[in-house]
Amino acid sequence: MTDAPQLLNVIYILLLIAITATLVIFLKTNLLTAYFRKRQLNSATGYLLKSPDYRVINNIRLTTVFGQLQCDYIIVSRFGVFIVETFNYDGVVEGAEWQAIWTVIKNKQKSQQFDNPIQQVESSKKVLVKLLGMNKYEIFSVVVITGAANFKSKLVENMTYGKGYLKFIQGKTRPIISLPKTQQIIDIIESEQLKSSRNKSAAVKDASSSKKQSETNLCPSCGGDMIIELVESGSDVGQQILRCTLYPTCRGSKTLV
């Protein structure tokens, strides 16, 4: 009678070990896949950085008169300008090129929706076309998958895994932009980067100043809002002061400097 419970305990333990091992292998596989794809991306970008035929500008965050432009890399060459965005999701991805929203499913249970990365990079491409005053056929958009994502539908040509984007770029072998023009493109992008950086710094400074000014206009007694009023009597008649909006309940006031 005692052998049966012991046998069940052994089976239960073995089953638990098998499930744990499966989960560990699954997690390691996903982590390793993402790791190697990231390494491949870095390796491919390193090759482009060393090549005299390509100029790599990374971490692009521009606010232009034509709209926002955000991407991980812009690669300038005689063979075209490449706008590159990385895609870092794990799980099974459902979505077509024409769909605005895609879905990623993890462990067959949790799902998450996100914007179509192809359409995102195409949106940035449109801004870049206007900014540089170029033909849209001279600029190529590329989406690079660095996570452990698997796709139900077939990937389009400009969506690649890891270092596949290097193959895509090197596949363009016909010079379509002159060397002087490539330098002009680089100058425009770097100038816009500098301008956007300055505008961002100015915006942060203005926000800080506005916050400080707002804080100085708070009632010293109750912390409420204050308004500007004229003193109607006394030795300070005619002068402007800040008075609490809850006056006369609250008599907090400040002299305007």
Protein backbone atom coordinates (compact mmCIF):
# COMPACT_ATOMS: atom_id res chain seq x y z
CA MET A 1 0.00 0.00 0.00
CA THR A 2 2.90 2.36 0.72
CA ASP A 3 4.55 1.82 -2.70
CA ALA A 4 1.77 3.54 -4.67
CA PRO A 5 1.97 6.95 -2.90
CA GLN A 6 5.77 6.90 -3.16
CA LEU A 7 5.57 6.15 -6.88
CA LEU A 8 3.12 9.04 -7.36
CA ASN A 9 5.49 11.36 -5.47
CA VAL A 10 8.39 10.33 -7.71
CA ILE A 11 6.30 10.87 -10.86
CA TYR A 12 5.19 14.27 -9.56
CA ILE A 13 8.78 15.33 -8.82
CA LEU A 14 10.01 14.13 -12.23
CA LEU A 15 7.15 15.97 -13.93
CA LEU A 16 7.97 19.15 -12.01
CA ILE A 17 11.64 18.87 -12.99
CA ALA A 18 10.70 18.34 -16.64
CA ILE A 19 8.41 21.41 -16.67
CA THR A 20 11.08 23.55 -14.97
CA ALA A 21 13.76 22.38 -17.40
CA THR A 22 11.49 23.14 -20.37
CA LEU A 23 10.84 26.65 -19.09
CA VAL A 24 14.53 27.29 -18.49
CA ILE A 25 15.44 26.06 -21.99
CA PHE A 26 12.66 28.21 -23.50
CA LEU A 27 13.80 31.32 -21.64
CA LYS A 28 17.45 30.71 -22.43
CA THR A 29 16.63 30.14 -26.09
CA ASN A 30 14.76 33.46 -26.28
CA LEU A 31 17.49 35.31 -24.40
CA LEU A 32 20.21 33.77 -26.52
CA THR A 33 18.33 34.55 -29.72
CA ALA A 34 17.91 38.20 -28.70
CA TYR A 35 21.56 38.36 -27.56
CA PHE A 36 22.98 37.00 -30.82
CA ARG A 37 20.74 39.21 -32.94
CA LYS A 38 21.90 42.26 -31.00
CA ARG A 39 25.52 41.17 -31.44
CA GLN A 40 24.93 40.74 -35.17
CA LEU A 41 23.41 44.22 -35.39
CA ASN A 42 26.38 45.75 -33.54
CA SER A 43 28.81 43.83 -35.74
CA ALA A 44 27.09 44.99 -38.93
CA THR A 45 26.98 48.60 -37.71
CA GLY A 46 30.66 48.37 -36.76
CA TYR A 47 31.50 47.26 -40.28
CA LEU A 48 29.59 50.22 -41.75
CA LEU A 49 31.36 52.61 -39.36
CA LYS A 50 34.75 51.43 -40.61
CA SER A 51 33.79 51.48 -44.28
CA PRO A 52 34.69 54.69 -46.20
CA ASP A 53 31.58 54.21 -48.36
CA TYR A 54 29.10 54.76 -45.50
CA ARG A 55 28.53 57.38 -42.83
CA VAL A 56 26.52 56.22 -39.78
CA ILE A 57 24.60 58.74 -37.65
CA ASN A 58 22.91 57.16 -34.65
CA ASN A 59 20.13 57.94 -32.18
CA ILE A 60 18.23 60.41 -34.38
CA ARG A 61 15.63 62.53 -32.56
CA LEU A 62 14.68 65.52 -34.69
CA THR A 63 11.85 68.03 -34.47
CA THR A 64 11.60 69.67 -37.88
CA VAL A 65 9.13 71.95 -39.65
CA PHE A 66 8.01 68.83 -41.50
CA GLY A 67 7.33 66.79 -38.36
CA GLN A 68 9.06 64.43 -35.92
CA LEU A 69 11.83 62.15 -37.12
CA GLN A 70 12.96 59.37 -34.80
CA CYS A 71 15.10 56.36 -35.70
CA ASP A 72 18.11 54.43 -34.43
CA TYR A 73 20.39 55.05 -37.42
CA ILE A 74 20.62 57.07 -40.61
CA ILE A 75 23.27 55.70 -42.96
CA VAL A 76 24.42 57.99 -45.75
CA SER A 77 26.16 56.64 -48.86
CA ARG A 78 26.51 57.10 -52.61
CA PHE A 79 24.12 54.15 -52.94
CA GLY A 80 21.32 55.86 -51.06
CA VAL A 81 20.31 57.05 -47.61
CA PHE A 82 19.13 54.31 -45.24
CA ILE A 83 16.87 55.03 -42.29
CA VAL A 84 17.06 52.19 -39.78
CA GLU A 85 14.81 51.37 -36.81
CA THR A 86 15.34 48.40 -34.47
CA PHE A 87 12.47 46.19 -33.31
CA ASN A 88 12.88 44.47 -29.94
CA TYR A 89 9.96 42.17 -29.09
CA ASP A 90 9.82 38.55 -27.94
CA GLY A 91 7.07 36.11 -28.87
CA VAL A 92 4.87 35.35 -31.85
CA VAL A 93 4.03 38.47 -33.86
CA GLU A 94 0.81 38.82 -35.82
CA GLY A 95 0.46 41.67 -38.29
CA ALA A 96 0.62 42.56 -41.95
CA GLU A 97 2.48 45.39 -43.66
CA TRP A 98 -0.77 47.32 -44.24
CA GLN A 99 -2.09 46.96 -40.65
CA ALA A 100 -1.52 49.92 -38.30
CA ILE A 101 -1.51 47.78 -35.12
CA TRP A 102 0.37 44.53 -34.60
CA THR A 103 0.09 42.02 -31.76
CA VAL A 104 2.79 39.99 -30.02
CA ILE A 105 1.79 36.88 -28.06
CA LYS A 106 4.04 35.54 -25.31
CA ASN A 107 3.75 32.03 -23.90
CA LYS A 108 0.43 31.62 -25.76
CA GLN A 109 -1.25 33.71 -23.07
CA LYS A 110 -0.14 37.30 -22.71
CA SER A 111 -0.62 39.55 -25.71
CA GLN A 112 0.49 43.12 -26.33
CA GLN A 113 -0.41 45.51 -29.12
CA PHE A 114 2.02 47.98 -30.66
CA ASP A 115 2.35 50.28 -33.67
CA ASN A 116 3.42 48.71 -36.95
CA PRO A 117 7.21 49.38 -37.09
CA ILE A 118 7.23 49.40 -40.90
CA GLN A 119 4.70 52.23 -40.97
CA GLN A 120 6.62 54.05 -38.23
CA VAL A 121 9.88 54.04 -40.16
CA GLU A 122 8.03 54.97 -43.36
CA SER A 123 6.57 57.97 -41.52
CA SER A 124 10.09 59.04 -40.54
CA LYS A 125 11.21 58.50 -44.14
CA LYS A 126 8.57 60.96 -45.40
CA VAL A 127 9.90 63.62 -43.02
CA LEU A 128 13.47 62.92 -44.14
CA VAL A 129 12.51 63.18 -47.82
CA LYS A 130 11.11 66.68 -47.22
CA LEU A 131 13.96 67.73 -44.94
CA LEU A 132 16.66 66.73 -47.43
CA GLY A 133 14.67 67.71 -50.54
CA MET A 134 15.37 64.30 -52.06
CA ASN A 135 13.54 61.81 -54.24
CA LYS A 136 11.82 59.14 -52.12
CA TYR A 137 13.52 56.45 -54.21
CA GLU A 138 16.90 57.63 -52.96
CA ILE A 139 15.97 56.87 -49.34
CA PHE A 140 15.44 53.32 -48.08
CA SER A 141 13.73 52.36 -44.81
CA VAL A 142 14.87 49.29 -42.87
CA VAL A 143 13.45 47.57 -39.78
CA VAL A 144 15.89 45.32 -37.88
CA ILE A 145 14.55 42.66 -35.50
CA THR A 146 16.82 42.35 -32.45
CA GLY A 147 14.45 40.52 -30.11
CA ALA A 148 13.38 36.85 -30.20
CA ALA A 149 10.26 37.59 -32.24
CA ASN A 150 8.84 35.10 -34.71
CA PHE A 151 6.42 36.20 -37.40
CA LYS A 152 3.34 34.37 -38.62
CA SER A 153 3.46 36.19 -41.95
CA LYS A 154 6.43 36.38 -44.32
CA LEU A 155 8.80 39.28 -43.70
CA VAL A 156 8.95 42.02 -46.31
CA GLU A 157 12.27 42.80 -47.99
CA ASN A 158 13.15 45.78 -45.77
CA MET A 159 12.48 43.92 -42.51
CA THR A 160 15.42 41.76 -41.44
CA TYR A 161 16.93 39.82 -38.55
CA GLY A 162 20.19 40.94 -36.92
CA LYS A 163 22.91 41.60 -39.47
CA GLY A 164 20.51 40.93 -42.35
CA TYR A 165 20.17 44.67 -42.70
CA LEU A 166 23.83 44.83 -43.78
CA LYS A 167 23.02 42.49 -46.66
CA PHE A 168 20.05 44.72 -47.55
CA ILE A 169 22.24 47.84 -47.61
CA GLN A 170 25.09 46.19 -49.51
CA GLY A 171 22.54 44.95 -52.03
CA LYS A 172 22.25 48.54 -53.28
CA THR A 173 25.33 48.78 -55.49
CA ARG A 174 24.39 51.45 -58.04
CA PRO A 175 25.63 54.94 -57.08
CA ILE A 176 22.64 57.33 -57.09
CA ILE A 177 24.00 60.23 -54.98
CA SER A 178 27.12 62.27 -55.68
CA LEU A 179 29.85 62.55 -53.03
CA PRO A 180 29.30 66.32 -52.55
CA LYS A 181 25.58 65.63 -52.08
CA THR A 182 26.27 62.98 -49.40
CA GLN A 183 28.25 65.57 -47.43
CA GLN A 184 25.40 68.07 -47.77
CA ILE A 185 23.00 65.45 -46.41
CA ILE A 186 25.26 64.78 -43.42
CA ASP A 187 25.60 68.51 -42.74
CA ILE A 188 21.80 69.00 -42.81
CA ILE A 189 21.12 66.10 -40.43
CA GLU A 190 23.85 67.14 -37.98
CA SER A 191 22.65 70.76 -38.11
CA GLU A 192 19.06 69.65 -37.37
CA GLN A 193 20.33 67.47 -34.52
CA LEU A 194 22.11 70.45 -32.99
CA LYS A 195 19.05 72.68 -33.46
CA SER A 196 16.70 70.09 -31.90
CA SER A 197 19.09 69.64 -28.97
CA ARG A 198 19.18 73.41 -28.35
CA ASN A 199 15.39 73.70 -28.62
CA LYS A 200 14.97 70.84 -26.17
CA SER A 201 17.34 72.49 -23.69
CA ALA A 202 15.50 75.81 -24.09
CA ALA A 203 12.15 74.09 -23.55
CA VAL A 204 13.40 72.43 -20.37
CA LYS A 205 14.78 75.78 -19.15
CA ASP A 206 11.48 77.57 -19.93
CA ALA A 207 9.48 74.87 -18.17
CA SER A 208 11.71 75.16 -15.12
CA SER A 209 11.40 78.95 -15.16
CA SER A 210 7.60 78.77 -15.52
CA LYS A 211 7.39 76.32 -12.65
CA LYS A 212 9.54 78.57 -10.47
CA GLN A 213 7.44 81.61 -11.39
CA SER A 214 4.25 79.67 -10.66
CA GLU A 215 5.58 78.66 -7.26
CA THR A 216 6.46 82.26 -6.37
CA ASN A 217 2.88 83.29 -7.18
CA LEU A 218 1.39 80.97 -4.57
CA CYS A 219 -0.15 82.43 -1.43
CA PRO A 220 2.33 82.31 1.48
CA SER A 221 -0.50 81.68 3.93
CA CYS A 222 -2.64 78.96 2.32
CA GLY A 223 -0.71 77.94 -0.80
CA GLY A 224 -3.57 78.98 -3.11
CA ASP A 225 -3.50 81.08 -6.28
CA MET A 226 -2.90 84.83 -6.16
CA ILE A 227 -3.97 87.68 -8.44
CA ILE A 228 -2.58 91.17 -9.09
CA GLU A 229 -4.54 93.99 -7.43
CA LEU A 230 -4.03 97.72 -6.82
CA VAL A 231 -3.65 98.99 -3.24
CA GLU A 232 -6.58 101.40 -2.73
CA SER A 233 -5.61 102.95 0.61
CA GLY A 234 -2.73 103.51 2.99
CA SER A 235 0.83 104.56 2.32
CA ASP A 236 1.18 102.10 -0.60
CA VAL A 237 -1.92 103.30 -2.46
CA GLY A 238 -1.68 102.81 -6.22
CA GLN A 239 0.96 100.09 -6.00
CA GLN A 240 0.41 96.57 -7.34
CA ILE A 241 0.40 93.58 -5.03
CA LEU A 242 -0.33 89.89 -5.28
CA ARG A 243 -3.39 89.02 -3.17
CA CYS A 244 -4.86 85.60 -2.40
CA THR A 245 -7.98 84.77 -4.44
CA LEU A 246 -9.65 83.63 -1.19
CA TYR A 247 -9.49 87.16 0.27
CA PRO A 248 -10.94 88.19 2.73
CA THR A 249 -11.07 84.63 4.17
CA CYS A 250 -7.34 84.43 3.59
CA ARG A 251 -5.37 87.66 3.84
CA GLY A 252 -2.15 86.39 2.33
CA SER A 253 -0.40 88.87 0.04
CA LYS A 254 2.95 89.66 -1.59
CA THR A 255 4.53 92.85 -2.85
CA LEU A 256 5.37 92.80 -6.56
CA VAL A 257 9.05 93.45 -7.16
